[in-house]
Amino acid sequence: MESLWRVATFQDPNPEDYKDVEFWSGPERSGWLTKQGDYIKTWRRRWFVLKQGKLFWFKDSSSITRDSVPRGVIPVGRCLTVKGAEDVINKPFAFELATVNYTMYFVADTEKDKEDWINSIGRSIVQHSRSVTDSEVVDYDNNRR
C-alpha cells in the first residue's frame, strides 16, 4: 500500500520523469524546506531544487551530482495552487502545493523564504501548465449572428 501511495504522490520517481533535467546545476530556486510525509505524517527537513517545471527533493544538499537520485519529484505543471498554509497546519512560514488529488505541506525557515518559494513555484506552475492556445479561444462577441 505504501509503495502505491509513494508513486501516486511522486515520491517514487521514475528516471524518465527527470532524465532531461540537469537538477544538479543552475536551479531556478534551491534550499531547505521541511516537508510533511504523505503516508507517515512526520516532518523531515529536505533539500529542494526547482528546475524546468519540476520540484525535486533530496535528503541533503552536500552531494547532488548528475548521478544523484531524487527522493521525490513533483511536476509543477500538474499543480493547481501554491499558497500560504500557516492557518491550516498551525506552523509559521508554512505553505501548501495542491494538485487535483492531494495537497503537500512545506515549512520554510523564514517568511521571506516562504514568499520566495511561493513566487518561484507559482511562476513555474504558470510556465509549465497546459495553456489555452489561440485556436481554442472562442470569441463569443463575434460568433453571434
N, C-alpha and C. Protein backbone atom coordinates (compact mmCIF):
# COMPACT_ATOMS: atom_id res chain seq x y z
N MET A 1 0.83 -1.20 0.00
CA MET A 1 0.00 0.00 0.00
C MET A 1 0.87 1.26 0.00
N GLU A 2 1.92 1.27 0.83
CA GLU A 2 2.78 2.45 0.90
C GLU A 2 3.43 2.72 -0.45
N SER A 3 3.87 1.68 -1.18
CA SER A 3 4.54 1.92 -2.46
C SER A 3 3.57 2.52 -3.48
N LEU A 4 2.32 2.12 -3.47
CA LEU A 4 1.33 2.74 -4.36
C LEU A 4 1.14 4.21 -4.02
N TRP A 5 1.09 4.53 -2.73
CA TRP A 5 0.95 5.91 -2.30
C TRP A 5 2.16 6.73 -2.73
N ARG A 6 3.35 6.18 -2.61
CA ARG A 6 4.57 6.89 -3.00
C ARG A 6 4.57 7.19 -4.49
N VAL A 7 4.10 6.27 -5.31
CA VAL A 7 4.02 6.50 -6.75
C VAL A 7 2.97 7.57 -7.05
N ALA A 8 1.83 7.48 -6.42
CA ALA A 8 0.74 8.44 -6.68
C ALA A 8 1.11 9.85 -6.27
N THR A 9 1.98 9.99 -5.28
CA THR A 9 2.37 11.32 -4.81
C THR A 9 3.77 11.71 -5.26
N PHE A 10 4.27 11.09 -6.31
CA PHE A 10 5.55 11.43 -6.94
C PHE A 10 6.75 11.25 -6.02
N GLN A 11 6.65 10.36 -5.02
CA GLN A 11 7.76 10.14 -4.12
C GLN A 11 8.57 8.91 -4.48
N ASP A 12 8.23 8.28 -5.55
CA ASP A 12 8.98 7.13 -6.02
C ASP A 12 9.29 7.41 -7.49
N PRO A 13 10.17 8.42 -7.73
CA PRO A 13 10.31 8.92 -9.10
C PRO A 13 10.89 7.90 -10.06
N ASN A 14 10.34 7.91 -11.23
CA ASN A 14 10.84 7.13 -12.34
C ASN A 14 11.91 7.99 -13.02
N PRO A 15 13.08 7.44 -13.34
CA PRO A 15 14.11 8.25 -14.01
C PRO A 15 13.62 8.95 -15.27
N GLU A 16 12.59 8.41 -15.92
CA GLU A 16 12.03 9.08 -17.10
C GLU A 16 11.41 10.43 -16.74
N ASP A 17 11.00 10.58 -15.47
CA ASP A 17 10.38 11.83 -15.03
C ASP A 17 11.36 13.00 -14.99
N TYR A 18 12.65 12.70 -14.95
CA TYR A 18 13.64 13.78 -14.81
C TYR A 18 14.89 13.60 -15.65
N LYS A 19 14.84 12.71 -16.64
CA LYS A 19 16.05 12.38 -17.40
C LYS A 19 16.64 13.57 -18.16
N ASP A 20 15.83 14.54 -18.59
CA ASP A 20 16.35 15.67 -19.35
C ASP A 20 16.57 16.92 -18.51
N VAL A 21 16.49 16.80 -17.20
CA VAL A 21 16.64 17.95 -16.31
C VAL A 21 17.97 17.84 -15.55
N GLU A 22 18.83 18.82 -15.74
CA GLU A 22 20.11 18.85 -15.03
C GLU A 22 19.90 19.52 -13.67
N PHE A 23 19.26 18.79 -12.76
CA PHE A 23 18.90 19.34 -11.46
C PHE A 23 20.10 19.69 -10.60
N TRP A 24 21.26 19.18 -10.92
CA TRP A 24 22.48 19.40 -10.13
C TRP A 24 23.15 20.74 -10.44
N SER A 25 22.69 21.46 -11.46
CA SER A 25 23.33 22.75 -11.76
C SER A 25 22.30 23.80 -12.17
N GLY A 26 22.55 25.03 -11.76
CA GLY A 26 21.75 26.18 -12.17
C GLY A 26 20.26 26.09 -11.91
N PRO A 27 19.84 25.76 -10.67
CA PRO A 27 18.41 25.67 -10.41
C PRO A 27 17.74 27.05 -10.40
N GLU A 28 16.45 27.06 -10.65
CA GLU A 28 15.67 28.30 -10.55
C GLU A 28 15.57 28.72 -9.08
N ARG A 29 15.48 27.76 -8.19
CA ARG A 29 15.49 28.00 -6.75
C ARG A 29 15.94 26.71 -6.09
N SER A 30 16.65 26.84 -5.00
CA SER A 30 17.02 25.68 -4.20
C SER A 30 17.15 26.11 -2.75
N GLY A 31 16.95 25.16 -1.84
CA GLY A 31 17.09 25.47 -0.43
C GLY A 31 16.40 24.44 0.44
N TRP A 32 16.57 24.65 1.74
CA TRP A 32 16.00 23.74 2.71
C TRP A 32 14.53 24.07 2.97
N LEU A 33 13.70 23.05 3.01
CA LEU A 33 12.31 23.14 3.44
C LEU A 33 12.04 21.92 4.31
N THR A 34 11.10 22.07 5.21
CA THR A 34 10.65 20.92 5.98
C THR A 34 9.36 20.46 5.32
N LYS A 35 9.29 19.17 5.01
CA LYS A 35 8.18 18.60 4.26
C LYS A 35 7.46 17.57 5.11
N GLN A 36 6.14 17.63 5.04
CA GLN A 36 5.36 16.62 5.74
C GLN A 36 5.27 15.38 4.87
N GLY A 37 5.53 14.23 5.47
CA GLY A 37 5.39 12.98 4.74
C GLY A 37 3.94 12.76 4.37
N ASP A 38 3.69 12.09 3.26
CA ASP A 38 2.34 11.87 2.79
C ASP A 38 1.71 10.61 3.37
N TYR A 39 2.51 9.62 3.62
CA TYR A 39 1.96 8.37 4.13
C TYR A 39 2.07 8.33 5.65
N ILE A 40 3.28 8.56 6.13
CA ILE A 40 3.52 8.71 7.57
C ILE A 40 3.72 10.20 7.80
N LYS A 41 2.86 10.82 8.58
CA LYS A 41 2.79 12.28 8.67
C LYS A 41 3.86 12.91 9.56
N THR A 42 5.10 12.48 9.40
CA THR A 42 6.20 13.10 10.15
C THR A 42 6.76 14.25 9.32
N TRP A 43 7.47 15.16 9.97
CA TRP A 43 8.10 16.30 9.29
C TRP A 43 9.58 16.03 9.13
N ARG A 44 10.08 16.20 7.91
CA ARG A 44 11.50 15.96 7.62
C ARG A 44 12.08 17.13 6.85
N ARG A 45 13.27 17.51 7.22
CA ARG A 45 13.97 18.59 6.54
C ARG A 45 14.65 18.00 5.29
N ARG A 46 14.37 18.61 4.14
CA ARG A 46 14.91 18.12 2.87
C ARG A 46 15.44 19.29 2.05
N TRP A 47 16.37 18.98 1.16
CA TRP A 47 16.91 19.96 0.22
C TRP A 47 16.07 19.92 -1.04
N PHE A 48 15.50 21.07 -1.42
CA PHE A 48 14.63 21.14 -2.60
C PHE A 48 15.30 21.89 -3.73
N VAL A 49 15.02 21.45 -4.94
CA VAL A 49 15.53 22.08 -6.16
C VAL A 49 14.36 22.24 -7.11
N LEU A 50 14.15 23.47 -7.59
CA LEU A 50 13.13 23.75 -8.60
C LEU A 50 13.84 24.03 -9.90
N LYS A 51 13.54 23.22 -10.91
CA LYS A 51 14.17 23.41 -12.21
C LYS A 51 13.29 22.84 -13.31
N GLN A 52 13.11 23.60 -14.37
CA GLN A 52 12.39 23.17 -15.57
C GLN A 52 11.02 22.55 -15.26
N GLY A 53 10.28 23.19 -14.38
CA GLY A 53 8.93 22.73 -14.09
C GLY A 53 8.85 21.52 -13.19
N LYS A 54 9.93 21.18 -12.52
CA LYS A 54 9.93 20.04 -11.61
C LYS A 54 10.49 20.48 -10.27
N LEU A 55 9.86 20.04 -9.20
CA LEU A 55 10.34 20.29 -7.85
C LEU A 55 10.89 18.97 -7.30
N PHE A 56 12.21 18.94 -7.13
CA PHE A 56 12.91 17.74 -6.66
C PHE A 56 13.22 17.90 -5.17
N TRP A 57 13.29 16.77 -4.45
CA TRP A 57 13.85 16.85 -3.11
C TRP A 57 14.81 15.72 -2.86
N PHE A 58 15.78 16.07 -2.00
CA PHE A 58 16.90 15.18 -1.68
C PHE A 58 17.07 15.16 -0.17
N LYS A 59 17.75 14.14 0.33
CA LYS A 59 17.97 14.04 1.77
C LYS A 59 18.88 15.16 2.27
N ASP A 60 19.91 15.49 1.46
CA ASP A 60 20.80 16.59 1.85
C ASP A 60 21.31 17.31 0.61
N SER A 61 22.02 18.41 0.84
CA SER A 61 22.48 19.24 -0.27
C SER A 61 23.93 19.02 -0.65
N SER A 62 24.64 18.27 0.15
CA SER A 62 26.10 18.22 0.01
C SER A 62 26.60 17.41 -1.20
N SER A 63 25.82 16.49 -1.68
CA SER A 63 26.36 15.60 -2.71
C SER A 63 25.43 15.42 -3.89
N ILE A 64 24.82 16.50 -4.37
CA ILE A 64 23.92 16.37 -5.52
C ILE A 64 24.75 16.47 -6.80
N THR A 65 24.77 15.39 -7.54
CA THR A 65 25.51 15.31 -8.80
C THR A 65 24.58 14.74 -9.87
N ARG A 66 25.10 14.61 -11.07
CA ARG A 66 24.29 14.02 -12.14
C ARG A 66 23.88 12.59 -11.83
N ASP A 67 24.59 11.91 -10.93
CA ASP A 67 24.26 10.53 -10.55
C ASP A 67 23.30 10.44 -9.37
N SER A 68 22.95 11.58 -8.78
CA SER A 68 22.05 11.58 -7.63
C SER A 68 20.65 11.13 -8.06
N VAL A 69 19.97 10.50 -7.12
CA VAL A 69 18.60 10.08 -7.35
C VAL A 69 17.71 10.86 -6.39
N PRO A 70 16.79 11.66 -6.92
CA PRO A 70 15.91 12.42 -6.04
C PRO A 70 15.03 11.49 -5.20
N ARG A 71 14.70 11.93 -4.01
CA ARG A 71 13.77 11.17 -3.17
C ARG A 71 12.33 11.37 -3.63
N GLY A 72 12.11 12.45 -4.39
CA GLY A 72 10.80 12.72 -4.92
C GLY A 72 10.85 13.79 -5.99
N VAL A 73 9.87 13.80 -6.87
CA VAL A 73 9.77 14.78 -7.95
C VAL A 73 8.30 15.16 -8.12
N ILE A 74 8.04 16.46 -8.13
CA ILE A 74 6.68 16.93 -8.39
C ILE A 74 6.70 17.71 -9.70
N PRO A 75 5.97 17.27 -10.71
CA PRO A 75 5.84 18.08 -11.92
C PRO A 75 4.87 19.23 -11.62
N VAL A 76 5.39 20.45 -11.47
CA VAL A 76 4.54 21.55 -11.01
C VAL A 76 3.46 21.94 -12.02
N GLY A 77 3.61 21.57 -13.28
CA GLY A 77 2.57 21.83 -14.26
C GLY A 77 1.26 21.12 -13.93
N ARG A 78 1.32 20.10 -13.09
CA ARG A 78 0.12 19.38 -12.65
C ARG A 78 -0.51 20.00 -11.41
N CYS A 79 0.18 20.99 -10.84
CA CYS A 79 -0.31 21.62 -9.62
C CYS A 79 -1.30 22.73 -9.95
N LEU A 80 -2.25 22.92 -9.08
CA LEU A 80 -3.27 23.95 -9.27
C LEU A 80 -2.95 25.21 -8.49
N THR A 81 -2.50 25.06 -7.24
CA THR A 81 -2.24 26.23 -6.40
C THR A 81 -1.01 26.03 -5.53
N VAL A 82 -0.42 27.16 -5.17
CA VAL A 82 0.61 27.21 -4.14
C VAL A 82 0.27 28.45 -3.32
N LYS A 83 0.14 28.27 -2.01
CA LYS A 83 -0.28 29.39 -1.16
C LYS A 83 0.11 29.13 0.29
N GLY A 84 0.10 30.19 1.08
CA GLY A 84 0.41 30.10 2.49
C GLY A 84 -0.55 29.15 3.19
N ALA A 85 -0.05 28.48 4.25
CA ALA A 85 -0.88 27.49 4.95
C ALA A 85 -0.64 27.51 6.46
N GLU A 86 -0.20 28.64 7.00
CA GLU A 86 0.05 28.70 8.45
C GLU A 86 -1.21 28.35 9.24
N ASP A 87 -2.35 28.86 8.78
CA ASP A 87 -3.61 28.62 9.49
C ASP A 87 -4.12 27.19 9.32
N VAL A 88 -3.69 26.51 8.27
CA VAL A 88 -4.15 25.14 8.02
C VAL A 88 -3.40 24.15 8.90
N ILE A 89 -2.08 24.29 8.99
CA ILE A 89 -1.29 23.31 9.76
C ILE A 89 -0.72 23.89 11.05
N ASN A 90 -1.04 25.17 11.32
CA ASN A 90 -0.64 25.82 12.57
C ASN A 90 0.87 25.84 12.78
N LYS A 91 1.60 26.16 11.69
CA LYS A 91 3.05 26.31 11.76
C LYS A 91 3.44 27.59 11.04
N PRO A 92 4.35 28.37 11.63
CA PRO A 92 4.79 29.59 10.93
C PRO A 92 5.57 29.24 9.66
N PHE A 93 5.46 30.11 8.66
CA PHE A 93 6.18 30.00 7.38
C PHE A 93 5.78 28.78 6.56
N ALA A 94 4.56 28.28 6.79
CA ALA A 94 4.07 27.10 6.08
C ALA A 94 3.39 27.49 4.78
N PHE A 95 3.49 26.61 3.78
CA PHE A 95 2.75 26.78 2.54
C PHE A 95 2.35 25.42 2.01
N GLU A 96 1.39 25.45 1.09
CA GLU A 96 0.88 24.20 0.52
C GLU A 96 0.96 24.24 -0.99
N LEU A 97 1.13 23.07 -1.56
CA LEU A 97 1.17 22.88 -3.01
C LEU A 97 0.11 21.82 -3.31
N ALA A 98 -0.90 22.20 -4.12
CA ALA A 98 -2.04 21.30 -4.31
C ALA A 98 -2.22 20.90 -5.77
N THR A 99 -2.55 19.63 -5.96
CA THR A 99 -2.96 19.11 -7.26
C THR A 99 -4.44 18.75 -7.14
N VAL A 100 -5.00 18.17 -8.16
CA VAL A 100 -6.40 17.74 -8.12
C VAL A 100 -6.59 16.68 -7.02
N ASN A 101 -5.60 15.81 -6.84
CA ASN A 101 -5.76 14.65 -5.97
C ASN A 101 -5.21 14.78 -4.55
N TYR A 102 -4.28 15.67 -4.31
CA TYR A 102 -3.68 15.75 -2.98
C TYR A 102 -3.05 17.12 -2.75
N THR A 103 -2.73 17.38 -1.48
CA THR A 103 -2.07 18.62 -1.07
C THR A 103 -0.84 18.24 -0.25
N MET A 104 0.28 18.88 -0.58
CA MET A 104 1.52 18.67 0.17
C MET A 104 1.81 19.93 0.96
N TYR A 105 2.35 19.76 2.16
CA TYR A 105 2.67 20.90 3.03
C TYR A 105 4.17 21.01 3.24
N PHE A 106 4.63 22.27 3.30
CA PHE A 106 6.04 22.57 3.48
C PHE A 106 6.17 23.69 4.50
N VAL A 107 7.32 23.75 5.17
CA VAL A 107 7.61 24.84 6.09
C VAL A 107 8.98 25.40 5.74
N ALA A 108 9.04 26.71 5.47
CA ALA A 108 10.30 27.39 5.19
C ALA A 108 10.91 27.87 6.50
N ASP A 109 12.16 28.35 6.42
CA ASP A 109 12.85 28.82 7.62
C ASP A 109 12.44 30.24 8.01
N THR A 110 12.04 31.06 7.03
CA THR A 110 11.68 32.45 7.30
C THR A 110 10.47 32.83 6.44
N GLU A 111 9.85 33.96 6.77
CA GLU A 111 8.74 34.47 5.96
C GLU A 111 9.22 34.79 4.55
N LYS A 112 10.41 35.38 4.42
CA LYS A 112 10.96 35.71 3.11
C LYS A 112 11.18 34.45 2.28
N ASP A 113 11.76 33.41 2.88
CA ASP A 113 11.94 32.13 2.17
C ASP A 113 10.61 31.57 1.71
N LYS A 114 9.60 31.62 2.57
CA LYS A 114 8.26 31.13 2.20
C LYS A 114 7.74 31.89 0.99
N GLU A 115 7.79 33.21 1.04
CA GLU A 115 7.28 34.02 -0.07
C GLU A 115 8.08 33.77 -1.35
N ASP A 116 9.40 33.63 -1.23
CA ASP A 116 10.23 33.36 -2.41
C ASP A 116 9.87 32.02 -3.04
N TRP A 117 9.66 30.99 -2.21
CA TRP A 117 9.27 29.68 -2.74
C TRP A 117 7.90 29.75 -3.40
N ILE A 118 6.94 30.41 -2.74
CA ILE A 118 5.59 30.52 -3.32
C ILE A 118 5.66 31.24 -4.67
N ASN A 119 6.42 32.32 -4.75
CA ASN A 119 6.54 33.06 -6.00
C ASN A 119 7.22 32.23 -7.09
N SER A 120 8.30 31.55 -6.76
CA SER A 120 9.02 30.74 -7.75
C SER A 120 8.19 29.58 -8.24
N ILE A 121 7.54 28.87 -7.33
CA ILE A 121 6.70 27.74 -7.72
C ILE A 121 5.50 28.24 -8.52
N GLY A 122 4.92 29.35 -8.10
CA GLY A 122 3.78 29.91 -8.83
C GLY A 122 4.13 30.26 -10.26
N ARG A 123 5.29 30.91 -10.46
CA ARG A 123 5.75 31.21 -11.83
C ARG A 123 5.94 29.93 -12.63
N SER A 124 6.51 28.93 -11.99
CA SER A 124 6.75 27.66 -12.68
C SER A 124 5.44 26.96 -13.05
N ILE A 125 4.44 27.03 -12.17
CA ILE A 125 3.13 26.45 -12.48
C ILE A 125 2.57 27.10 -13.74
N VAL A 126 2.64 28.43 -13.79
CA VAL A 126 2.10 29.16 -14.95
C VAL A 126 2.87 28.79 -16.22
N GLN A 127 4.20 28.73 -16.13
CA GLN A 127 5.03 28.45 -17.30
C GLN A 127 4.86 27.02 -17.81
N HIS A 128 4.58 26.07 -16.93
CA HIS A 128 4.59 24.67 -17.33
C HIS A 128 3.22 24.00 -17.35
N SER A 129 2.19 24.73 -17.01
CA SER A 129 0.86 24.13 -17.10
C SER A 129 0.37 24.27 -18.53
N ARG A 130 -0.59 23.44 -18.89
CA ARG A 130 -1.13 23.49 -20.25
C ARG A 130 -1.91 24.79 -20.38
N SER A 131 -1.53 25.59 -21.33
CA SER A 131 -2.24 26.86 -21.53
C SER A 131 -3.19 26.74 -22.72
N VAL A 132 -4.13 27.64 -22.77
CA VAL A 132 -5.09 27.66 -23.86
C VAL A 132 -4.42 28.28 -25.08
N THR A 133 -4.54 27.62 -26.22
CA THR A 133 -3.94 28.16 -27.44
C THR A 133 -4.92 29.10 -28.11
N ASP A 134 -4.43 29.95 -29.01
CA ASP A 134 -5.28 30.90 -29.72
C ASP A 134 -6.42 30.21 -30.44
N SER A 135 -6.18 29.02 -30.99
CA SER A 135 -7.23 28.32 -31.74
C SER A 135 -8.34 27.81 -30.82
N GLU A 136 -8.07 27.71 -29.52
CA GLU A 136 -9.08 27.22 -28.58
C GLU A 136 -9.93 28.34 -27.98
N VAL A 137 -9.53 29.59 -28.20
CA VAL A 137 -10.26 30.71 -27.64
C VAL A 137 -11.50 30.96 -28.48
N VAL A 138 -12.63 31.07 -27.82
CA VAL A 138 -13.88 31.34 -28.52
C VAL A 138 -14.22 32.81 -28.31
N ASP A 139 -14.42 33.52 -29.40
CA ASP A 139 -14.81 34.93 -29.35
C ASP A 139 -16.33 34.98 -29.43
N TYR A 140 -16.98 35.01 -28.28
CA TYR A 140 -18.44 34.96 -28.23
C TYR A 140 -19.07 36.19 -28.87
N ASP A 141 -18.45 37.34 -28.76
CA ASP A 141 -19.00 38.56 -29.35
C ASP A 141 -19.10 38.47 -30.86
N ASN A 142 -18.12 37.89 -31.52
CA ASN A 142 -18.12 37.80 -32.98
C ASN A 142 -18.80 36.55 -33.51
N ASN A 143 -19.14 35.60 -32.62
CA ASN A 143 -19.83 34.39 -33.07
C ASN A 143 -21.34 34.55 -33.15
N ARG A 144 -21.86 35.64 -32.62
CA ARG A 144 -23.30 35.88 -32.68
C ARG A 144 -23.68 36.30 -34.09
N ARG A 145 -24.75 35.78 -34.61
CA ARG A 145 -25.16 36.12 -35.97
C ARG A 145 -26.48 36.82 -35.98
